[in-house]
């Protein structure tokens, strides 16, 4: 259980922050950038939820919770030391990726195949989901870059990759199952 009695601690005033294992890193460290961008992804989903209802809103709530799990995973370096930790570190698991894939398949079955790229937009919900898609892609790029330098849970990277796909399909579903998608017209303004 997390207890936050005091929001400011002053421990980051010199430009450093603590990771999940207690070690300290500069705030522009790649690991901090990666989990910070996961947090940004979560915030964009919060904006999308202002326009979502029913099953889609429930899915978005689950994904927001997953993104906190993902941030906890990324802020904990050195997976080899997980067994030595006082408390078992929270790590993403393939079942979370599998759930996204199942939801993508369920949403996609009602969509017409694309014959063009689509522009981000349409309904307010779709526009917010497209924003989330792009921010999650940035989080994925940062996590992949981090994985070239340090230990990163492969399920975390897979989740971010699948999340951007989920957001794309959900945006199409939010646009009247693709009927209100805004299609790209190559060279339309020449």
N, C-alpha and C. Protein backbone atom coordinates (compact mmCIF):
# COMPACT_ATOMS: atom_id res chain seq x y z
N UNK A 1 0.84 -1.18 0.00
CA UNK A 1 0.00 0.00 0.00
C UNK A 1 0.89 1.24 0.00
N UNK A 2 0.54 2.18 -0.84
CA UNK A 2 1.26 3.45 -0.92
C UNK A 2 0.60 4.45 0.00
N UNK A 3 1.40 5.17 0.78
CA UNK A 3 0.89 6.22 1.64
C UNK A 3 1.64 7.50 1.28
N UNK A 4 0.88 8.51 0.88
CA UNK A 4 1.48 9.79 0.52
C UNK A 4 0.92 10.86 1.44
N UNK A 5 1.62 11.11 2.53
CA UNK A 5 1.17 12.12 3.49
C UNK A 5 1.64 13.51 3.09
N UNK A 6 2.85 13.58 2.57
CA UNK A 6 3.43 14.86 2.20
C UNK A 6 3.84 14.76 0.74
N UNK A 7 3.37 15.66 -0.08
CA UNK A 7 3.61 15.59 -1.52
C UNK A 7 5.01 16.08 -1.87
N UNK A 8 5.45 17.15 -1.28
CA UNK A 8 6.80 17.60 -1.60
C UNK A 8 7.78 17.09 -0.55
N UNK A 9 8.94 16.66 -1.02
CA UNK A 9 9.95 16.12 -0.12
C UNK A 9 11.26 16.91 -0.17
N UNK A 10 11.42 17.70 -1.22
CA UNK A 10 12.63 18.48 -1.47
C UNK A 10 13.83 17.63 -1.87
N UNK A 11 13.66 16.31 -1.95
CA UNK A 11 14.79 15.44 -2.30
C UNK A 11 15.16 15.54 -3.77
N UNK A 12 14.30 16.09 -4.58
CA UNK A 12 14.59 16.24 -6.00
C UNK A 12 15.01 17.63 -6.41
N UNK A 13 15.21 18.50 -5.44
CA UNK A 13 15.53 19.89 -5.75
C UNK A 13 16.86 20.07 -6.46
N UNK A 14 17.75 19.11 -6.33
CA UNK A 14 19.07 19.21 -6.98
C UNK A 14 19.07 18.50 -8.34
N UNK A 15 17.88 18.12 -8.82
CA UNK A 15 17.81 17.53 -10.16
C UNK A 15 17.95 16.02 -10.20
N UNK A 16 17.80 15.37 -9.06
CA UNK A 16 17.85 13.91 -9.02
C UNK A 16 16.54 13.37 -8.47
N UNK A 17 16.29 12.08 -8.74
CA UNK A 17 15.10 11.41 -8.23
C UNK A 17 15.47 10.00 -7.82
N UNK A 18 14.66 9.41 -6.98
CA UNK A 18 14.90 8.03 -6.53
C UNK A 18 14.16 7.06 -7.43
N UNK A 19 14.82 5.98 -7.77
CA UNK A 19 14.18 4.88 -8.49
C UNK A 19 13.52 3.95 -7.48
N UNK A 20 12.84 2.94 -7.99
CA UNK A 20 12.11 2.01 -7.14
C UNK A 20 12.99 1.20 -6.20
N UNK A 21 14.26 1.08 -6.53
CA UNK A 21 15.17 0.33 -5.66
C UNK A 21 15.92 1.24 -4.69
N UNK A 22 15.59 2.54 -4.71
CA UNK A 22 16.23 3.49 -3.81
C UNK A 22 17.44 4.19 -4.41
N UNK A 23 17.96 3.68 -5.51
CA UNK A 23 19.10 4.35 -6.14
C UNK A 23 18.63 5.68 -6.73
N UNK A 24 19.58 6.58 -6.93
CA UNK A 24 19.22 7.91 -7.42
C UNK A 24 19.78 8.11 -8.82
N UNK A 25 19.00 8.84 -9.61
CA UNK A 25 19.39 9.17 -10.99
C UNK A 25 19.04 10.63 -11.25
N UNK A 26 19.74 11.23 -12.20
CA UNK A 26 19.37 12.58 -12.62
C UNK A 26 18.01 12.50 -13.30
N UNK A 27 17.27 13.58 -13.22
CA UNK A 27 15.89 13.56 -13.72
C UNK A 27 15.81 13.45 -15.24
N UNK A 28 16.91 13.72 -15.95
CA UNK A 28 16.90 13.55 -17.39
C UNK A 28 17.48 12.19 -17.82
N UNK A 29 17.69 11.30 -16.87
CA UNK A 29 18.16 9.94 -17.14
C UNK A 29 17.15 9.23 -18.06
N UNK A 30 17.63 8.39 -18.94
CA UNK A 30 16.77 7.72 -19.90
C UNK A 30 15.69 6.87 -19.22
N UNK A 31 16.02 6.22 -18.12
CA UNK A 31 15.02 5.42 -17.40
C UNK A 31 13.90 6.32 -16.86
N UNK A 32 14.28 7.46 -16.32
CA UNK A 32 13.30 8.41 -15.80
C UNK A 32 12.46 8.98 -16.94
N UNK A 33 13.09 9.25 -18.07
CA UNK A 33 12.36 9.71 -19.26
C UNK A 33 11.34 8.67 -19.70
N UNK A 34 11.73 7.40 -19.68
CA UNK A 34 10.83 6.32 -20.14
C UNK A 34 9.61 6.22 -19.24
N UNK A 35 9.82 6.11 -17.92
CA UNK A 35 8.63 5.96 -17.08
C UNK A 35 7.87 7.27 -16.93
N UNK A 36 8.54 8.40 -17.11
CA UNK A 36 7.84 9.67 -17.12
C UNK A 36 6.92 9.79 -18.33
N UNK A 37 7.35 9.25 -19.45
CA UNK A 37 6.52 9.29 -20.66
C UNK A 37 5.38 8.29 -20.55
N UNK A 38 5.57 7.21 -19.80
CA UNK A 38 4.44 6.31 -19.50
C UNK A 38 3.41 7.06 -18.67
N UNK A 39 3.87 7.86 -17.73
CA UNK A 39 2.96 8.68 -16.92
C UNK A 39 2.21 9.68 -17.79
N UNK A 40 2.91 10.27 -18.74
CA UNK A 40 2.28 11.20 -19.68
C UNK A 40 1.22 10.47 -20.52
N UNK A 41 1.52 9.26 -20.94
CA UNK A 41 0.56 8.45 -21.68
C UNK A 41 -0.70 8.25 -20.84
N UNK A 42 -0.50 7.96 -19.56
CA UNK A 42 -1.63 7.75 -18.66
C UNK A 42 -2.48 9.01 -18.55
N UNK A 43 -1.83 10.17 -18.48
CA UNK A 43 -2.58 11.43 -18.37
C UNK A 43 -3.41 11.68 -19.62
N UNK A 44 -2.87 11.33 -20.79
CA UNK A 44 -3.66 11.52 -22.02
C UNK A 44 -4.86 10.57 -22.03
N UNK A 45 -4.70 9.38 -21.46
CA UNK A 45 -5.85 8.47 -21.35
C UNK A 45 -6.91 9.05 -20.42
N UNK A 46 -6.49 9.74 -19.39
CA UNK A 46 -7.45 10.40 -18.50
C UNK A 46 -8.29 11.42 -19.26
N UNK A 47 -7.66 12.13 -20.20
CA UNK A 47 -8.41 13.07 -21.03
C UNK A 47 -9.38 12.32 -21.95
N UNK A 48 -8.95 11.21 -22.50
CA UNK A 48 -9.82 10.42 -23.37
C UNK A 48 -11.04 9.92 -22.59
N UNK A 49 -10.83 9.55 -21.35
CA UNK A 49 -11.93 9.00 -20.55
C UNK A 49 -13.04 10.01 -20.30
N UNK A 50 -12.75 11.29 -20.46
CA UNK A 50 -13.80 12.30 -20.33
C UNK A 50 -14.88 12.12 -21.39
N UNK A 51 -14.53 11.43 -22.48
CA UNK A 51 -15.44 11.25 -23.61
C UNK A 51 -15.89 9.80 -23.78
N UNK A 52 -15.42 8.90 -22.95
CA UNK A 52 -15.69 7.46 -23.12
C UNK A 52 -16.81 7.03 -22.18
N UNK A 53 -17.49 5.96 -22.61
CA UNK A 53 -18.57 5.40 -21.80
C UNK A 53 -18.51 3.87 -21.89
N UNK A 54 -19.21 3.24 -20.97
CA UNK A 54 -19.43 1.79 -21.03
C UNK A 54 -18.17 0.96 -21.06
N UNK A 55 -18.17 -0.05 -21.93
CA UNK A 55 -17.06 -1.00 -22.01
C UNK A 55 -15.74 -0.31 -22.34
N UNK A 56 -15.79 0.69 -23.22
CA UNK A 56 -14.56 1.38 -23.60
C UNK A 56 -13.97 2.11 -22.40
N UNK A 57 -14.81 2.76 -21.62
CA UNK A 57 -14.31 3.45 -20.42
C UNK A 57 -13.72 2.44 -19.43
N UNK A 58 -14.36 1.29 -19.30
CA UNK A 58 -13.83 0.24 -18.40
C UNK A 58 -12.47 -0.25 -18.89
N UNK A 59 -12.32 -0.41 -20.19
CA UNK A 59 -11.02 -0.81 -20.75
C UNK A 59 -9.97 0.25 -20.48
N UNK A 60 -10.34 1.51 -20.67
CA UNK A 60 -9.39 2.60 -20.43
C UNK A 60 -8.97 2.64 -18.96
N UNK A 61 -9.90 2.38 -18.06
CA UNK A 61 -9.56 2.34 -16.63
C UNK A 61 -8.56 1.22 -16.34
N UNK A 62 -8.78 0.05 -16.94
CA UNK A 62 -7.82 -1.06 -16.76
C UNK A 62 -6.45 -0.69 -17.31
N UNK A 63 -6.45 -0.06 -18.47
CA UNK A 63 -5.17 0.33 -19.07
C UNK A 63 -4.46 1.36 -18.20
N UNK A 64 -5.21 2.31 -17.65
CA UNK A 64 -4.57 3.29 -16.76
C UNK A 64 -3.91 2.59 -15.57
N UNK A 65 -4.57 1.61 -15.02
CA UNK A 65 -3.98 0.86 -13.91
C UNK A 65 -2.73 0.12 -14.38
N UNK A 66 -2.82 -0.51 -15.56
CA UNK A 66 -1.65 -1.19 -16.13
C UNK A 66 -0.48 -0.24 -16.30
N UNK A 67 -0.77 1.00 -16.71
CA UNK A 67 0.31 1.96 -16.92
C UNK A 67 1.01 2.33 -15.62
N UNK A 68 0.29 2.31 -14.50
CA UNK A 68 0.98 2.49 -13.21
C UNK A 68 1.87 1.28 -12.93
N UNK A 69 1.38 0.08 -13.25
CA UNK A 69 2.22 -1.12 -13.11
C UNK A 69 3.47 -0.98 -13.98
N UNK A 70 3.28 -0.50 -15.21
CA UNK A 70 4.39 -0.35 -16.14
C UNK A 70 5.40 0.67 -15.63
N UNK A 71 4.92 1.78 -15.08
CA UNK A 71 5.83 2.76 -14.51
C UNK A 71 6.61 2.18 -13.34
N UNK A 72 5.93 1.40 -12.51
CA UNK A 72 6.61 0.74 -11.39
C UNK A 72 7.68 -0.22 -11.89
N UNK A 73 7.37 -0.93 -12.97
CA UNK A 73 8.32 -1.86 -13.57
C UNK A 73 9.55 -1.11 -14.08
N UNK A 74 9.32 -0.05 -14.86
CA UNK A 74 10.44 0.68 -15.45
C UNK A 74 11.28 1.43 -14.42
N UNK A 75 10.69 1.81 -13.30
CA UNK A 75 11.47 2.57 -12.32
C UNK A 75 12.30 1.64 -11.42
N UNK A 76 12.21 0.36 -11.68
CA UNK A 76 12.97 -0.63 -10.89
C UNK A 76 14.03 -1.29 -11.78
N UNK A 77 15.27 -0.80 -11.75
CA UNK A 77 16.31 -1.38 -12.60
C UNK A 77 16.79 -2.73 -12.08
N UNK A 78 17.56 -3.39 -12.91
CA UNK A 78 18.28 -4.62 -12.53
C UNK A 78 17.34 -5.74 -12.10
N UNK A 79 16.65 -6.31 -13.07
CA UNK A 79 15.72 -7.40 -12.80
C UNK A 79 16.40 -8.60 -12.15
N UNK A 80 17.70 -8.74 -12.35
CA UNK A 80 18.44 -9.87 -11.76
C UNK A 80 18.39 -9.83 -10.24
N UNK A 81 18.15 -8.65 -9.67
CA UNK A 81 18.12 -8.52 -8.22
C UNK A 81 16.69 -8.61 -7.66
N UNK A 82 15.72 -8.94 -8.48
CA UNK A 82 14.33 -9.01 -8.02
C UNK A 82 14.16 -9.98 -6.86
N UNK A 83 14.83 -11.13 -6.93
CA UNK A 83 14.68 -12.16 -5.89
C UNK A 83 15.23 -11.70 -4.55
N UNK A 84 16.17 -10.75 -4.58
CA UNK A 84 16.78 -10.25 -3.35
C UNK A 84 15.99 -9.11 -2.71
N UNK A 85 15.02 -8.57 -3.42
CA UNK A 85 14.28 -7.40 -2.94
C UNK A 85 13.45 -7.75 -1.71
N UNK A 86 13.31 -6.78 -0.82
CA UNK A 86 12.51 -6.99 0.39
C UNK A 86 11.05 -7.30 0.05
N UNK A 87 10.54 -6.60 -0.97
CA UNK A 87 9.19 -6.84 -1.48
C UNK A 87 9.32 -7.20 -2.95
N UNK A 88 8.53 -8.15 -3.42
CA UNK A 88 8.65 -8.52 -4.84
C UNK A 88 8.32 -7.33 -5.74
N UNK A 89 9.22 -6.95 -6.63
CA UNK A 89 8.95 -5.83 -7.53
C UNK A 89 7.79 -6.15 -8.47
N UNK A 90 7.03 -5.13 -8.78
CA UNK A 90 5.91 -5.28 -9.71
C UNK A 90 6.45 -5.27 -11.13
N UNK A 91 6.18 -6.31 -11.88
CA UNK A 91 6.64 -6.42 -13.26
C UNK A 91 5.44 -6.68 -14.16
N UNK A 92 5.50 -6.15 -15.36
CA UNK A 92 4.48 -6.44 -16.36
C UNK A 92 4.57 -7.91 -16.73
N UNK A 93 3.43 -8.49 -17.10
CA UNK A 93 3.39 -9.90 -17.49
C UNK A 93 2.70 -10.02 -18.85
N UNK A 94 2.98 -11.11 -19.53
CA UNK A 94 2.43 -11.32 -20.87
C UNK A 94 0.91 -11.34 -20.88
N UNK A 95 0.27 -11.72 -19.78
CA UNK A 95 -1.19 -11.75 -19.74
C UNK A 95 -1.77 -10.35 -19.97
N UNK A 96 -1.06 -9.31 -19.54
CA UNK A 96 -1.53 -7.95 -19.77
C UNK A 96 -1.47 -7.60 -21.26
N UNK A 97 -0.43 -8.06 -21.93
CA UNK A 97 -0.30 -7.87 -23.38
C UNK A 97 -1.39 -8.67 -24.09
N UNK A 98 -1.60 -9.91 -23.66
CA UNK A 98 -2.62 -10.77 -24.27
C UNK A 98 -4.01 -10.13 -24.18
N UNK A 99 -4.32 -9.51 -23.03
CA UNK A 99 -5.63 -8.88 -22.88
C UNK A 99 -5.80 -7.75 -23.88
N UNK A 100 -4.74 -6.95 -24.10
CA UNK A 100 -4.83 -5.88 -25.10
C UNK A 100 -5.09 -6.47 -26.48
N UNK A 101 -4.41 -7.56 -26.81
CA UNK A 101 -4.60 -8.19 -28.12
C UNK A 101 -6.03 -8.68 -28.29
N UNK A 102 -6.59 -9.27 -27.25
CA UNK A 102 -7.98 -9.75 -27.32
C UNK A 102 -8.94 -8.59 -27.52
N UNK A 103 -8.70 -7.49 -26.84
CA UNK A 103 -9.56 -6.32 -26.99
C UNK A 103 -9.41 -5.70 -28.38
N UNK A 104 -8.19 -5.67 -28.91
CA UNK A 104 -7.97 -5.17 -30.27
C UNK A 104 -8.77 -6.01 -31.25
N UNK A 105 -8.66 -7.33 -31.13
CA UNK A 105 -9.38 -8.23 -32.05
C UNK A 105 -10.88 -8.02 -31.95
N UNK A 106 -11.41 -7.84 -30.75
CA UNK A 106 -12.85 -7.65 -30.56
C UNK A 106 -13.31 -6.34 -31.20
N UNK A 107 -12.55 -5.27 -31.03
CA UNK A 107 -12.92 -3.98 -31.63
C UNK A 107 -12.77 -4.02 -33.14
N UNK A 108 -11.72 -4.67 -33.60
CA UNK A 108 -11.38 -4.65 -35.02
C UNK A 108 -12.37 -5.43 -35.88
N UNK A 109 -13.05 -6.40 -35.29
CA UNK A 109 -13.95 -7.25 -36.09
C UNK A 109 -15.10 -6.46 -36.70
N UNK A 110 -15.47 -5.33 -36.12
CA UNK A 110 -16.57 -4.51 -36.64
C UNK A 110 -16.11 -3.38 -37.55
N UNK A 111 -14.81 -3.28 -37.79
CA UNK A 111 -14.28 -2.17 -38.58
C UNK A 111 -14.08 -2.59 -40.04
N UNK A 112 -14.36 -1.65 -40.93
CA UNK A 112 -14.06 -1.87 -42.35
C UNK A 112 -12.54 -1.81 -42.53
N UNK A 113 -12.01 -2.62 -43.44
CA UNK A 113 -10.56 -2.52 -43.70
C UNK A 113 -10.20 -1.12 -44.20
N UNK A 114 -9.02 -0.67 -43.81
CA UNK A 114 -8.56 0.66 -44.24
C UNK A 114 -8.08 0.61 -45.69
N UNK A 115 -8.41 1.65 -46.43
CA UNK A 115 -7.96 1.79 -47.81
C UNK A 115 -7.06 3.03 -47.94
N UNK A 116 -6.84 3.71 -46.81
CA UNK A 116 -6.01 4.91 -46.77
C UNK A 116 -5.52 5.07 -45.34
N UNK A 117 -4.46 5.83 -45.17
CA UNK A 117 -4.10 6.24 -43.82
C UNK A 117 -5.17 7.18 -43.32
N UNK A 118 -5.31 7.26 -42.00
CA UNK A 118 -6.30 8.19 -41.46
C UNK A 118 -5.60 9.29 -40.69
N UNK A 119 -6.22 10.46 -40.69
CA UNK A 119 -5.69 11.59 -39.94
C UNK A 119 -6.22 11.51 -38.52
N UNK A 120 -5.39 11.87 -37.53
CA UNK A 120 -5.87 11.88 -36.15
C UNK A 120 -7.02 12.87 -36.01
N UNK A 121 -8.14 12.40 -35.56
CA UNK A 121 -9.28 13.28 -35.37
C UNK A 121 -10.59 12.53 -35.49
N UNK A 122 -11.59 13.25 -35.93
CA UNK A 122 -12.94 12.71 -35.96
C UNK A 122 -13.65 13.16 -34.71
N UNK A 123 -14.06 12.22 -33.89
CA UNK A 123 -14.72 12.57 -32.62
C UNK A 123 -13.68 13.02 -31.59
N UNK A 124 -14.16 13.66 -30.54
CA UNK A 124 -13.26 14.09 -29.46
C UNK A 124 -12.55 12.89 -28.84
N UNK A 125 -13.28 11.80 -28.63
CA UNK A 125 -12.67 10.60 -28.06
C UNK A 125 -11.59 10.06 -28.98
N UNK A 126 -11.88 9.98 -30.27
CA UNK A 126 -10.89 9.47 -31.22
C UNK A 126 -9.64 10.34 -31.24
N UNK A 127 -9.83 11.66 -31.22
CA UNK A 127 -8.68 12.56 -31.23
C UNK A 127 -7.80 12.34 -30.00
N UNK A 128 -8.42 12.19 -28.84
CA UNK A 128 -7.64 11.95 -27.62
C UNK A 128 -6.94 10.59 -27.68
N UNK A 129 -7.59 9.58 -28.23
CA UNK A 129 -6.96 8.26 -28.35
C UNK A 129 -5.78 8.31 -29.32
N UNK A 130 -5.89 9.10 -30.38
CA UNK A 130 -4.75 9.25 -31.30
C UNK A 130 -3.59 9.95 -30.60
N UNK A 131 -3.88 10.92 -29.75
CA UNK A 131 -2.82 11.57 -28.98
C UNK A 131 -2.15 10.55 -28.06
N UNK A 132 -2.95 9.75 -27.39
CA UNK A 132 -2.40 8.71 -26.52
C UNK A 132 -1.54 7.75 -27.32
N UNK A 133 -2.00 7.40 -28.52
CA UNK A 133 -1.23 6.49 -29.39
C UNK A 133 0.16 7.05 -29.66
N UNK A 134 0.25 8.35 -29.96
CA UNK A 134 1.54 8.92 -30.30
C UNK A 134 2.44 9.03 -29.07
N UNK A 135 1.86 9.36 -27.93
CA UNK A 135 2.66 9.47 -26.70
C UNK A 135 3.14 8.08 -26.27
N UNK A 136 2.29 7.06 -26.44
CA UNK A 136 2.72 5.70 -26.07
C UNK A 136 3.82 5.22 -27.00
N UNK A 137 3.79 5.64 -28.26
CA UNK A 137 4.88 5.29 -29.19
C UNK A 137 6.20 5.91 -28.72
N UNK A 138 6.13 7.15 -28.23
CA UNK A 138 7.34 7.79 -27.71
C UNK A 138 7.85 7.04 -26.49
N UNK A 139 6.93 6.65 -25.60
CA UNK A 139 7.34 5.86 -24.43
C UNK A 139 8.00 4.56 -24.86
N UNK A 140 7.44 3.94 -25.89
CA UNK A 140 8.02 2.69 -26.40
C UNK A 140 9.43 2.93 -26.95
N UNK A 141 9.60 4.00 -27.73
CA UNK A 141 10.93 4.30 -28.28
C UNK A 141 11.95 4.50 -27.16
N UNK A 142 11.55 5.21 -26.12
CA UNK A 142 12.45 5.44 -24.99
C UNK A 142 12.77 4.14 -24.26
N UNK A 143 11.76 3.28 -24.07
CA UNK A 143 11.99 2.00 -23.39
C UNK A 143 12.90 1.10 -24.23
N UNK A 144 12.72 1.12 -25.54
CA UNK A 144 13.58 0.32 -26.41
C UNK A 144 15.01 0.85 -26.36
N UNK A 145 15.16 2.17 -26.40
CA UNK A 145 16.50 2.76 -26.30
C UNK A 145 17.13 2.38 -24.96
N UNK A 146 16.36 2.46 -23.88
CA UNK A 146 16.85 2.07 -22.56
C UNK A 146 17.28 0.61 -22.55
N UNK A 147 16.52 -0.25 -23.21
CA UNK A 147 16.82 -1.69 -23.21
C UNK A 147 18.14 -2.00 -23.91
N UNK A 148 18.61 -1.09 -24.76
CA UNK A 148 19.91 -1.28 -25.41
C UNK A 148 21.06 -0.98 -24.44
N UNK A 149 20.75 -0.30 -23.32
CA UNK A 149 21.77 0.09 -22.36
C UNK A 149 21.65 -0.62 -21.01
N UNK A 150 20.40 -0.96 -20.65
CA UNK A 150 20.14 -1.52 -19.33
C UNK A 150 19.08 -2.61 -19.44
N UNK A 151 18.90 -3.33 -18.35
CA UNK A 151 17.90 -4.37 -18.27
C UNK A 151 16.49 -3.76 -18.27
N UNK A 152 15.64 -4.21 -19.19
CA UNK A 152 14.23 -3.78 -19.25
C UNK A 152 13.38 -5.02 -19.48
N UNK A 153 12.31 -5.13 -18.76
CA UNK A 153 11.39 -6.24 -18.89
C UNK A 153 10.81 -6.27 -20.31
N UNK A 154 11.01 -7.35 -21.07
CA UNK A 154 10.47 -7.41 -22.44
C UNK A 154 8.95 -7.25 -22.49
N UNK A 155 8.24 -7.70 -21.47
CA UNK A 155 6.78 -7.55 -21.46
C UNK A 155 6.38 -6.08 -21.39
N UNK A 156 7.20 -5.24 -20.79
CA UNK A 156 6.91 -3.81 -20.71
C UNK A 156 6.96 -3.19 -22.10
N UNK A 157 7.95 -3.57 -22.87
CA UNK A 157 8.08 -3.04 -24.24
C UNK A 157 6.94 -3.57 -25.12
N UNK A 158 6.63 -4.85 -25.00
CA UNK A 158 5.52 -5.42 -25.77
C UNK A 158 4.21 -4.72 -25.43
N UNK A 159 4.00 -4.42 -24.16
CA UNK A 159 2.77 -3.76 -23.75
C UNK A 159 2.65 -2.40 -24.42
N UNK A 160 3.74 -1.62 -24.41
CA UNK A 160 3.70 -0.30 -25.03
C UNK A 160 3.44 -0.40 -26.54
N UNK A 161 4.04 -1.39 -27.17
CA UNK A 161 3.81 -1.59 -28.60
C UNK A 161 2.35 -1.91 -28.87
N UNK A 162 1.79 -2.80 -28.10
CA UNK A 162 0.39 -3.20 -28.28
C UNK A 162 -0.56 -2.08 -27.90
N UNK A 163 -0.19 -1.27 -26.90
CA UNK A 163 -1.06 -0.18 -26.48
C UNK A 163 -1.28 0.81 -27.61
N UNK A 164 -0.25 1.14 -28.35
CA UNK A 164 -0.44 2.09 -29.45
C UNK A 164 -1.38 1.50 -30.50
N UNK A 165 -1.25 0.20 -30.75
CA UNK A 165 -2.18 -0.46 -31.67
C UNK A 165 -3.61 -0.42 -31.12
N UNK A 166 -3.74 -0.69 -29.83
CA UNK A 166 -5.06 -0.66 -29.18
C UNK A 166 -5.69 0.73 -29.35
N UNK A 167 -4.91 1.77 -29.11
CA UNK A 167 -5.43 3.13 -29.21
C UNK A 167 -5.86 3.45 -30.64
N UNK A 168 -5.12 2.97 -31.62
CA UNK A 168 -5.48 3.21 -33.02
C UNK A 168 -6.82 2.56 -33.34
N UNK A 169 -6.98 1.31 -32.96
CA UNK A 169 -8.22 0.60 -33.24
C UNK A 169 -9.37 1.19 -32.43
N UNK A 170 -9.13 1.55 -31.19
CA UNK A 170 -10.18 2.16 -30.36
C UNK A 170 -10.60 3.51 -30.93
N UNK A 171 -9.65 4.27 -31.47
CA UNK A 171 -9.99 5.55 -32.09
C UNK A 171 -10.89 5.33 -33.29
N UNK A 172 -10.61 4.31 -34.08
CA UNK A 172 -11.48 4.00 -35.22
C UNK A 172 -12.86 3.58 -34.73
N UNK A 173 -12.91 2.78 -33.69
CA UNK A 173 -14.20 2.37 -33.13
C UNK A 173 -14.97 3.58 -32.62
N UNK A 174 -14.25 4.54 -32.02
CA UNK A 174 -14.89 5.75 -31.50
C UNK A 174 -15.39 6.66 -32.62
N UNK A 175 -14.87 6.46 -33.80
CA UNK A 175 -15.32 7.22 -34.98
C UNK A 175 -16.38 6.42 -35.74
N UNK A 176 -17.42 6.03 -35.01
CA UNK A 176 -18.53 5.29 -35.61
C UNK A 176 -18.04 4.06 -36.37
N UNK A 177 -17.18 3.29 -35.69
CA UNK A 177 -16.59 2.08 -36.28
C UNK A 177 -15.91 2.37 -37.61
N UNK A 178 -15.23 3.50 -37.67
CA UNK A 178 -14.45 3.86 -38.85
C UNK A 178 -15.21 4.71 -39.85
N UNK A 179 -16.52 4.80 -39.73
CA UNK A 179 -17.31 5.57 -40.70
C UNK A 179 -16.99 7.06 -40.64
N UNK A 180 -16.58 7.56 -39.49
CA UNK A 180 -16.26 8.98 -39.33
C UNK A 180 -14.75 9.23 -39.31
N UNK A 181 -13.96 8.22 -39.69
CA UNK A 181 -12.52 8.44 -39.80
C UNK A 181 -12.24 9.54 -40.82
N UNK A 182 -11.20 10.32 -40.56
CA UNK A 182 -10.79 11.36 -41.49
C UNK A 182 -9.65 10.78 -42.32
N UNK A 183 -9.90 10.57 -43.61
CA UNK A 183 -8.92 9.91 -44.46
C UNK A 183 -7.89 10.89 -44.99
N UNK A 184 -6.67 10.40 -45.10
CA UNK A 184 -5.59 11.15 -45.71
C UNK A 184 -5.79 11.11 -47.21
N UNK A 185 -5.67 12.27 -47.86
CA UNK A 185 -5.74 12.35 -49.31
C UNK A 185 -4.37 12.81 -49.78
N UNK A 186 -3.52 11.90 -50.25
CA UNK A 186 -2.16 12.28 -50.64
C UNK A 186 -2.17 13.40 -51.68
N UNK A 187 -1.39 14.43 -51.43
CA UNK A 187 -1.23 15.54 -52.36
C UNK A 187 -2.47 16.40 -52.54
N UNK A 188 -3.41 16.35 -51.62
CA UNK A 188 -4.68 17.07 -51.79
C UNK A 188 -4.52 18.58 -51.86
N UNK A 189 -3.46 19.12 -51.29
CA UNK A 189 -3.33 20.58 -51.22
C UNK A 189 -2.21 21.12 -52.09
N UNK A 190 -1.86 20.40 -53.12
CA UNK A 190 -0.79 20.87 -54.01
C UNK A 190 -1.25 22.05 -54.83
